[in-house]
PDB file of N, CA and C in Angstrom:
ATOM      1  N   MET A   1       1.333  -1.514  -8.475  1.00  0.00           N
ATOM      2  CA  MET A   1       1.750  -2.597  -7.605  1.00  0.00           C
ATOM      3  C   MET A   1       0.637  -2.957  -6.629  1.00  0.00           C
ATOM      4  N   TYR A   2       0.025  -1.945  -6.032  1.00  0.00           N
ATOM      5  CA  TYR A   2      -1.021  -2.201  -5.043  1.00  0.00           C
ATOM      6  C   TYR A   2      -2.187  -2.961  -5.666  1.00  0.00           C
ATOM      7  N   PHE A   3      -2.590  -2.552  -6.860  1.00  0.00           N
ATOM      8  CA  PHE A   3      -3.729  -3.217  -7.490  1.00  0.00           C
ATOM      9  C   PHE A   3      -3.388  -4.633  -7.930  1.00  0.00           C
ATOM     10  N   ASN A   4      -2.134  -4.905  -8.217  1.00  0.00           N
ATOM     11  CA  ASN A   4      -1.733  -6.269  -8.555  1.00  0.00           C
ATOM     12  C   ASN A   4      -1.850  -7.204  -7.364  1.00  0.00           C
ATOM     13  N   THR A   5      -1.846  -6.664  -6.159  1.00  0.00           N
ATOM     14  CA  THR A   5      -1.933  -7.507  -4.977  1.00  0.00           C
ATOM     15  C   THR A   5      -3.357  -7.981  -4.703  1.00  0.00           C
ATOM     16  N   PHE A   6      -4.356  -7.231  -5.168  1.00  0.00           N
ATOM     17  CA  PHE A   6      -5.743  -7.605  -4.881  1.00  0.00           C
ATOM     18  C   PHE A   6      -6.057  -8.979  -5.448  1.00  0.00           C
ATOM     19  N   GLY A   7      -6.430  -9.880  -4.584  1.00  0.00           N
ATOM     20  CA  GLY A   7      -6.812 -11.217  -4.984  1.00  0.00           C
ATOM     21  C   GLY A   7      -5.664 -12.160  -5.249  1.00  0.00           C
ATOM     22  N   HIS A   8      -4.427 -11.656  -5.214  1.00  0.00           N
ATOM     23  CA  HIS A   8      -3.275 -12.490  -5.553  1.00  0.00           C
ATOM     24  C   HIS A   8      -2.232 -12.571  -4.450  1.00  0.00           C
ATOM     25  N   LEU A   9      -2.267 -11.664  -3.516  1.00  0.00           N
ATOM     26  CA  LEU A   9      -1.253 -11.618  -2.462  1.00  0.00           C
ATOM     27  C   LEU A   9      -1.429 -12.803  -1.522  1.00  0.00           C
ATOM     28  N   LYS A  10      -0.364 -13.585  -1.362  1.00  0.00           N
ATOM     29  CA  LYS A  10      -0.431 -14.756  -0.503  1.00  0.00           C
ATOM     30  C   LYS A  10       0.427 -14.572   0.751  1.00  0.00           C
ATOM     31  N   LEU A  11       1.406 -13.711   0.647  1.00  0.00           N
ATOM     32  CA  LEU A  11       2.343 -13.494   1.743  1.00  0.00           C
ATOM     33  C   LEU A  11       2.840 -12.053   1.650  1.00  0.00           C
ATOM     34  N   MET A  12       2.816 -11.372   2.763  1.00  0.00           N
ATOM     35  CA  MET A  12       3.354 -10.012   2.775  1.00  0.00           C
ATOM     36  C   MET A  12       4.736 -10.077   3.380  1.00  0.00           C
ATOM     37  N   ASP A  13       5.720  -9.890   2.543  1.00  0.00           N
ATOM     38  CA  ASP A  13       7.094  -9.957   3.028  1.00  0.00           C
ATOM     39  C   ASP A  13       7.753  -8.579   2.959  1.00  0.00           C
ATOM     40  N   ARG A  14       8.954  -8.510   3.419  1.00  0.00           N
ATOM     41  CA  ARG A  14       9.682  -7.234   3.448  1.00  0.00           C
ATOM     42  C   ARG A  14       9.901  -6.677   2.056  1.00  0.00           C
ATOM     43  N   GLY A  15      10.068  -7.545   1.073  1.00  0.00           N
ATOM     44  CA  GLY A  15      10.293  -7.091  -0.300  1.00  0.00           C
ATOM     45  C   GLY A  15       9.105  -6.321  -0.846  1.00  0.00           C
ATOM     46  N   ILE A  16       7.910  -6.809  -0.589  1.00  0.00           N
ATOM     47  CA  ILE A  16       6.699  -6.135  -1.052  1.00  0.00           C
ATOM     48  C   ILE A  16       6.554  -4.783  -0.368  1.00  0.00           C
ATOM     49  N   VAL A  17       6.759  -4.765   0.931  1.00  0.00           N
ATOM     50  CA  VAL A  17       6.647  -3.511   1.681  1.00  0.00           C
ATOM     51  C   VAL A  17       7.723  -2.528   1.225  1.00  0.00           C
ATOM     52  N   SER A  18       8.949  -2.996   1.065  1.00  0.00           N
ATOM     53  CA  SER A  18      10.050  -2.142   0.638  1.00  0.00           C
ATOM     54  C   SER A  18       9.793  -1.554  -0.747  1.00  0.00           C
ATOM     55  N   HIS A  19       9.339  -2.383  -1.666  1.00  0.00           N
ATOM     56  CA  HIS A  19       9.042  -1.919  -3.029  1.00  0.00           C
ATOM     57  C   HIS A  19       7.920  -0.888  -3.004  1.00  0.00           C
ATOM     58  N   SER A  20       6.908  -1.135  -2.209  1.00  0.00           N
ATOM     59  CA  SER A  20       5.788  -0.200  -2.101  1.00  0.00           C
ATOM     60  C   SER A  20       6.237   1.132  -1.518  1.00  0.00           C
ATOM     61  N   ILE A  21       7.130   1.103  -0.554  1.00  0.00           N
ATOM     62  CA  ILE A  21       7.646   2.343   0.035  1.00  0.00           C
ATOM     63  C   ILE A  21       8.449   3.129  -0.997  1.00  0.00           C
ATOM     64  N   ARG A  22       9.223   2.440  -1.824  1.00  0.00           N
ATOM     65  CA  ARG A  22       9.976   3.132  -2.883  1.00  0.00           C
ATOM     66  C   ARG A  22       9.021   3.812  -3.859  1.00  0.00           C
ATOM     67  N   ILE A  23       7.917   3.154  -4.185  1.00  0.00           N
ATOM     68  CA  ILE A  23       6.920   3.772  -5.068  1.00  0.00           C
ATOM     69  C   ILE A  23       6.314   4.995  -4.389  1.00  0.00           C
ATOM     70  N   MET A  24       5.952   4.861  -3.118  1.00  0.00           N
ATOM     71  CA  MET A  24       5.363   5.986  -2.398  1.00  0.00           C
ATOM     72  C   MET A  24       6.343   7.148  -2.293  1.00  0.00           C
ATOM     73  N   ASN A  25       7.623   6.853  -2.192  1.00  0.00           N
ATOM     74  CA  ASN A  25       8.634   7.894  -2.087  1.00  0.00           C
ATOM     75  C   ASN A  25       8.657   8.774  -3.330  1.00  0.00           C
ATOM     76  N   ARG A  26       8.151   8.260  -4.425  1.00  0.00           N
ATOM     77  CA  ARG A  26       8.117   9.006  -5.674  1.00  0.00           C
ATOM     78  C   ARG A  26       6.720   9.529  -5.991  1.00  0.00           C
ATOM     79  N   SER A  27       5.829   9.431  -5.029  1.00  0.00           N
ATOM     80  CA  SER A  27       4.439   9.818  -5.256  1.00  0.00           C
ATOM     81  C   SER A  27       4.173  11.227  -4.739  1.00  0.00           C
ATOM     82  N   ASP A  28       2.943  11.642  -4.931  1.00  0.00           N
ATOM     83  CA  ASP A  28       2.505  12.922  -4.383  1.00  0.00           C
ATOM     84  C   ASP A  28       1.260  12.679  -3.537  1.00  0.00           C
ATOM     85  N   HIS A  29       0.711  13.751  -3.001  1.00  0.00           N
ATOM     86  CA  HIS A  29      -0.433  13.615  -2.101  1.00  0.00           C
ATOM     87  C   HIS A  29      -1.660  13.026  -2.804  1.00  0.00           C
ATOM     88  N   THR A  30      -1.811  13.273  -4.096  1.00  0.00           N
ATOM     89  CA  THR A  30      -2.955  12.735  -4.830  1.00  0.00           C
ATOM     90  C   THR A  30      -2.910  11.215  -4.851  1.00  0.00           C
ATOM     91  N   LEU A  31      -1.748  10.646  -5.128  1.00  0.00           N
ATOM     92  CA  LEU A  31      -1.619   9.186  -5.152  1.00  0.00           C
ATOM     93  C   LEU A  31      -1.849   8.598  -3.768  1.00  0.00           C
ATOM     94  N   VAL A  32      -1.347   9.265  -2.748  1.00  0.00           N
ATOM     95  CA  VAL A  32      -1.522   8.768  -1.386  1.00  0.00           C
ATOM     96  C   VAL A  32      -3.007   8.768  -1.014  1.00  0.00           C
ATOM     97  N   GLU A  33      -3.715   9.824  -1.366  1.00  0.00           N
ATOM     98  CA  GLU A  33      -5.155   9.878  -1.091  1.00  0.00           C
ATOM     99  C   GLU A  33      -5.900   8.791  -1.861  1.00  0.00           C
ATOM    100  N   PHE A  34      -5.495   8.553  -3.093  1.00  0.00           N
ATOM    101  CA  PHE A  34      -6.068   7.497  -3.920  1.00  0.00           C
ATOM    102  C   PHE A  34      -5.882   6.136  -3.256  1.00  0.00           C
ATOM    103  N   MET A  35      -4.654   5.881  -2.795  1.00  0.00           N
ATOM    104  CA  MET A  35      -4.358   4.617  -2.112  1.00  0.00           C
ATOM    105  C   MET A  35      -5.172   4.490  -0.828  1.00  0.00           C
ATOM    106  N   GLN A  36      -5.299   5.589  -0.093  1.00  0.00           N
ATOM    107  CA  GLN A  36      -6.044   5.555   1.158  1.00  0.00           C
ATOM    108  C   GLN A  36      -7.511   5.219   0.892  1.00  0.00           C
ATOM    109  N   TYR A  37      -8.077   5.774  -0.156  1.00  0.00           N
ATOM    110  CA  TYR A  37      -9.469   5.484  -0.501  1.00  0.00           C
ATOM    111  C   TYR A  37      -9.649   3.986  -0.766  1.00  0.00           C
ATOM    112  N   TYR A  38      -8.773   3.413  -1.592  1.00  0.00           N
ATOM    113  CA  TYR A  38      -8.913   1.993  -1.925  1.00  0.00           C
ATOM    114  C   TYR A  38      -8.621   1.087  -0.735  1.00  0.00           C
ATOM    115  N   THR A  39      -7.738   1.502   0.136  1.00  0.00           N
ATOM    116  CA  THR A  39      -7.485   0.726   1.346  1.00  0.00           C
ATOM    117  C   THR A  39      -8.726   0.720   2.229  1.00  0.00           C
ATOM    118  N   ASN A  40      -9.321   1.879   2.410  1.00  0.00           N
ATOM    119  CA  ASN A  40     -10.514   1.988   3.260  1.00  0.00           C
ATOM    120  C   ASN A  40     -11.720   1.260   2.676  1.00  0.00           C
ATOM    121  N   ASN A  41     -11.723   1.043   1.370  1.00  0.00           N
ATOM    122  CA  ASN A  41     -12.853   0.391   0.712  1.00  0.00           C
ATOM    123  C   ASN A  41     -12.507  -0.998   0.178  1.00  0.00           C
ATOM    124  N   CYS A  42     -11.448  -1.587   0.697  1.00  0.00           N
ATOM    125  CA  CYS A  42     -11.028  -2.920   0.270  1.00  0.00           C
ATOM    126  C   CYS A  42     -12.056  -3.965   0.718  1.00  0.00           C
ATOM    127  N   PRO A  43     -12.468  -4.848  -0.210  1.00  0.00           N
ATOM    128  CA  PRO A  43     -13.446  -5.881   0.150  1.00  0.00           C
ATOM    129  C   PRO A  43     -12.788  -7.043   0.894  1.00  0.00           C
ATOM    130  N   ALA A  44     -12.364  -6.811   2.122  1.00  0.00           N
ATOM    131  CA  ALA A  44     -11.629  -7.808   2.910  1.00  0.00           C
ATOM    132  C   ALA A  44     -12.431  -9.078   3.144  1.00  0.00           C
ATOM    133  N   VAL A  45     -13.745  -9.010   3.018  1.00  0.00           N
ATOM    134  CA  VAL A  45     -14.577 -10.194   3.223  1.00  0.00           C
ATOM    135  C   VAL A  45     -14.387 -11.228   2.112  1.00  0.00           C
ATOM    136  N   ARG A  46     -13.698 -10.848   1.051  1.00  0.00           N
ATOM    137  CA  ARG A  46     -13.473 -11.769  -0.070  1.00  0.00           C
ATOM    138  C   ARG A  46     -12.379 -12.795   0.197  1.00  0.00           C
ATOM    139  N   GLY A  47     -11.636 -12.624   1.264  1.00  0.00           N
ATOM    140  CA  GLY A  47     -10.631 -13.628   1.582  1.00  0.00           C
ATOM    141  C   GLY A  47      -9.321 -13.063   2.075  1.00  0.00           C
ATOM    142  N   GLU A  48      -8.418 -13.976   2.356  1.00  0.00           N
ATOM    143  CA  GLU A  48      -7.134 -13.638   2.955  1.00  0.00           C
ATOM    144  C   GLU A  48      -6.298 -12.721   2.061  1.00  0.00           C
ATOM    145  N   ALA A  49      -6.308 -12.934   0.754  1.00  0.00           N
ATOM    146  CA  ALA A  49      -5.510 -12.090  -0.141  1.00  0.00           C
ATOM    147  C   ALA A  49      -5.961 -10.639  -0.057  1.00  0.00           C
ATOM    148  N   TYR A  50      -7.254 -10.416   0.055  1.00  0.00           N
ATOM    149  CA  TYR A  50      -7.769  -9.052   0.169  1.00  0.00           C
ATOM    150  C   TYR A  50      -7.427  -8.456   1.529  1.00  0.00           C
ATOM    151  N   ARG A  51      -7.482  -9.266   2.567  1.00  0.00           N
ATOM    152  CA  ARG A  51      -7.104  -8.766   3.893  1.00  0.00           C
ATOM    153  C   ARG A  51      -5.627  -8.371   3.923  1.00  0.00           C
ATOM    154  N   LEU A  52      -4.788  -9.167   3.271  1.00  0.00           N
ATOM    155  CA  LEU A  52      -3.363  -8.828   3.202  1.00  0.00           C
ATOM    156  C   LEU A  52      -3.154  -7.532   2.422  1.00  0.00           C
ATOM    157  N   ALA A  53      -3.874  -7.361   1.325  1.00  0.00           N
ATOM    158  CA  ALA A  53      -3.763  -6.126   0.541  1.00  0.00           C
ATOM    159  C   ALA A  53      -4.214  -4.932   1.374  1.00  0.00           C
ATOM    160  N   MET A  54      -5.278  -5.111   2.146  1.00  0.00           N
ATOM    161  CA  MET A  54      -5.767  -4.044   3.000  1.00  0.00           C
ATOM    162  C   MET A  54      -4.729  -3.717   4.080  1.00  0.00           C
ATOM    163  N   ASP A  55      -4.136  -4.746   4.677  1.00  0.00           N
ATOM    164  CA  ASP A  55      -3.087  -4.528   5.686  1.00  0.00           C
ATOM    165  C   ASP A  55      -1.897  -3.787   5.086  1.00  0.00           C
ATOM    166  N   LEU A  56      -1.520  -4.150   3.862  1.00  0.00           N
ATOM    167  CA  LEU A  56      -0.426  -3.463   3.177  1.00  0.00           C
ATOM    168  C   LEU A  56      -0.770  -1.989   3.009  1.00  0.00           C
ATOM    169  N   GLY A  57      -1.983  -1.705   2.583  1.00  0.00           N
ATOM    170  CA  GLY A  57      -2.409  -0.317   2.418  1.00  0.00           C
ATOM    171  C   GLY A  57      -2.348   0.456   3.718  1.00  0.00           C
ATOM    172  N   TYR A  58      -2.786  -0.176   4.817  1.00  0.00           N
ATOM    173  CA  TYR A  58      -2.739   0.502   6.114  1.00  0.00           C
ATOM    174  C   TYR A  58      -1.302   0.720   6.583  1.00  0.00           C
ATOM    175  N   GLN A  59      -0.435  -0.243   6.325  1.00  0.00           N
ATOM    176  CA  GLN A  59       0.974  -0.072   6.699  1.00  0.00           C
ATOM    177  C   GLN A  59       1.604   1.073   5.928  1.00  0.00           C
ATOM    178  N   LEU A  60       1.314   1.126   4.633  1.00  0.00           N
ATOM    179  CA  LEU A  60       1.866   2.207   3.813  1.00  0.00           C
ATOM    180  C   LEU A  60       1.321   3.558   4.250  1.00  0.00           C
ATOM    181  N   ASN A  61       0.036   3.595   4.571  1.00  0.00           N
ATOM    182  CA  ASN A  61      -0.559   4.848   5.024  1.00  0.00           C
ATOM    183  C   ASN A  61       0.077   5.311   6.339  1.00  0.00           C
ATOM    184  N   ALA A  62       0.426   4.382   7.201  1.00  0.00           N
ATOM    185  CA  ALA A  62       1.062   4.733   8.470  1.00  0.00           C
ATOM    186  C   ALA A  62       2.451   5.334   8.239  1.00  0.00           C
ATOM    187  N   LYS A  63       3.121   4.906   7.172  1.00  0.00           N
ATOM    188  CA  LYS A  63       4.457   5.415   6.858  1.00  0.00           C
ATOM    189  C   LYS A  63       4.412   6.681   6.004  1.00  0.00           C
ATOM    190  N   ARG A  64       3.231   7.093   5.607  1.00  0.00           N
ATOM    191  CA  ARG A  64       3.063   8.214   4.684  1.00  0.00           C
ATOM    192  C   ARG A  64       3.807   9.477   5.116  1.00  0.00           C
ATOM    193  N   PRO A  65       3.660   9.966   6.343  1.00  0.00           N
ATOM    194  CA  PRO A  65       4.345  11.221   6.682  1.00  0.00           C
ATOM    195  C   PRO A  65       5.862  11.152   6.511  1.00  0.00           C
ATOM    196  N   GLU A  66       6.465  10.053   6.938  1.00  0.00           N
ATOM    197  CA  GLU A  66       7.925   9.960   6.834  1.00  0.00           C
ATOM    198  C   GLU A  66       8.367   9.737   5.395  1.00  0.00           C
ATOM    199  N   VAL A  67       7.566   9.040   4.597  1.00  0.00           N
ATOM    200  CA  VAL A  67       7.927   8.768   3.213  1.00  0.00           C
ATOM    201  C   VAL A  67       7.829  10.036   2.361  1.00  0.00           C
ATOM    202  N   LEU A  68       6.746  10.797   2.540  1.00  0.00           N
ATOM    203  CA  LEU A  68       6.575  12.009   1.744  1.00  0.00           C
ATOM    204  C   LEU A  68       7.537  13.119   2.145  1.00  0.00           C
ATOM    205  N   ALA A  69       8.113  13.036   3.334  1.00  0.00           N
ATOM    206  CA  ALA A  69       9.038  14.056   3.802  1.00  0.00           C
ATOM    207  C   ALA A  69      10.443  13.881   3.217  1.00  0.00           C
ATOM    208  N   VAL A  70      10.705  12.718   2.616  1.00  0.00           N
ATOM    209  CA  VAL A  70      12.025  12.415   2.086  1.00  0.00           C
ATOM    210  C   VAL A  70      12.013  12.611   0.568  1.00  0.00           C
ATOM    211  N   ALA A  71      13.054  13.243   0.056  1.00  0.00           N
ATOM    212  CA  ALA A  71      13.167  13.434  -1.380  1.00  0.00           C
ATOM    213  C   ALA A  71      13.334  12.082  -2.061  1.00  0.00           C
ATOM    214  N   PRO A  72      12.776  11.918  -3.270  1.00  0.00           N
ATOM    215  CA  PRO A  72      12.925  10.635  -3.987  1.00  0.00           C
ATOM    216  C   PRO A  72      14.393  10.286  -4.149  1.00  0.00           C
ATOM    217  N   GLY A  73      14.654   9.010  -4.017  1.00  0.00           N
ATOM    218  CA  GLY A  73      16.044   8.571  -4.143  1.00  0.00           C
ATOM    219  C   GLY A  73      16.174   7.263  -4.822  1.00  0.00           C
TER     220      GLY A  73
END
């Protein structure tokens, strides 16, 4: 889902964030570290879609402790 947003994301709405959180809820620390790497290295200078993808990554990373603490549901 995150990689589909690169270059294509036009609007970050609650649905995108909610769906991403559900994916993270089923992830492990390896996936979270992977996402963090790509967020930190996002080419935001390429335009608004990349900046939105980077913002999404940072939002998800901020929710990481609470998301990983909850059993998948």
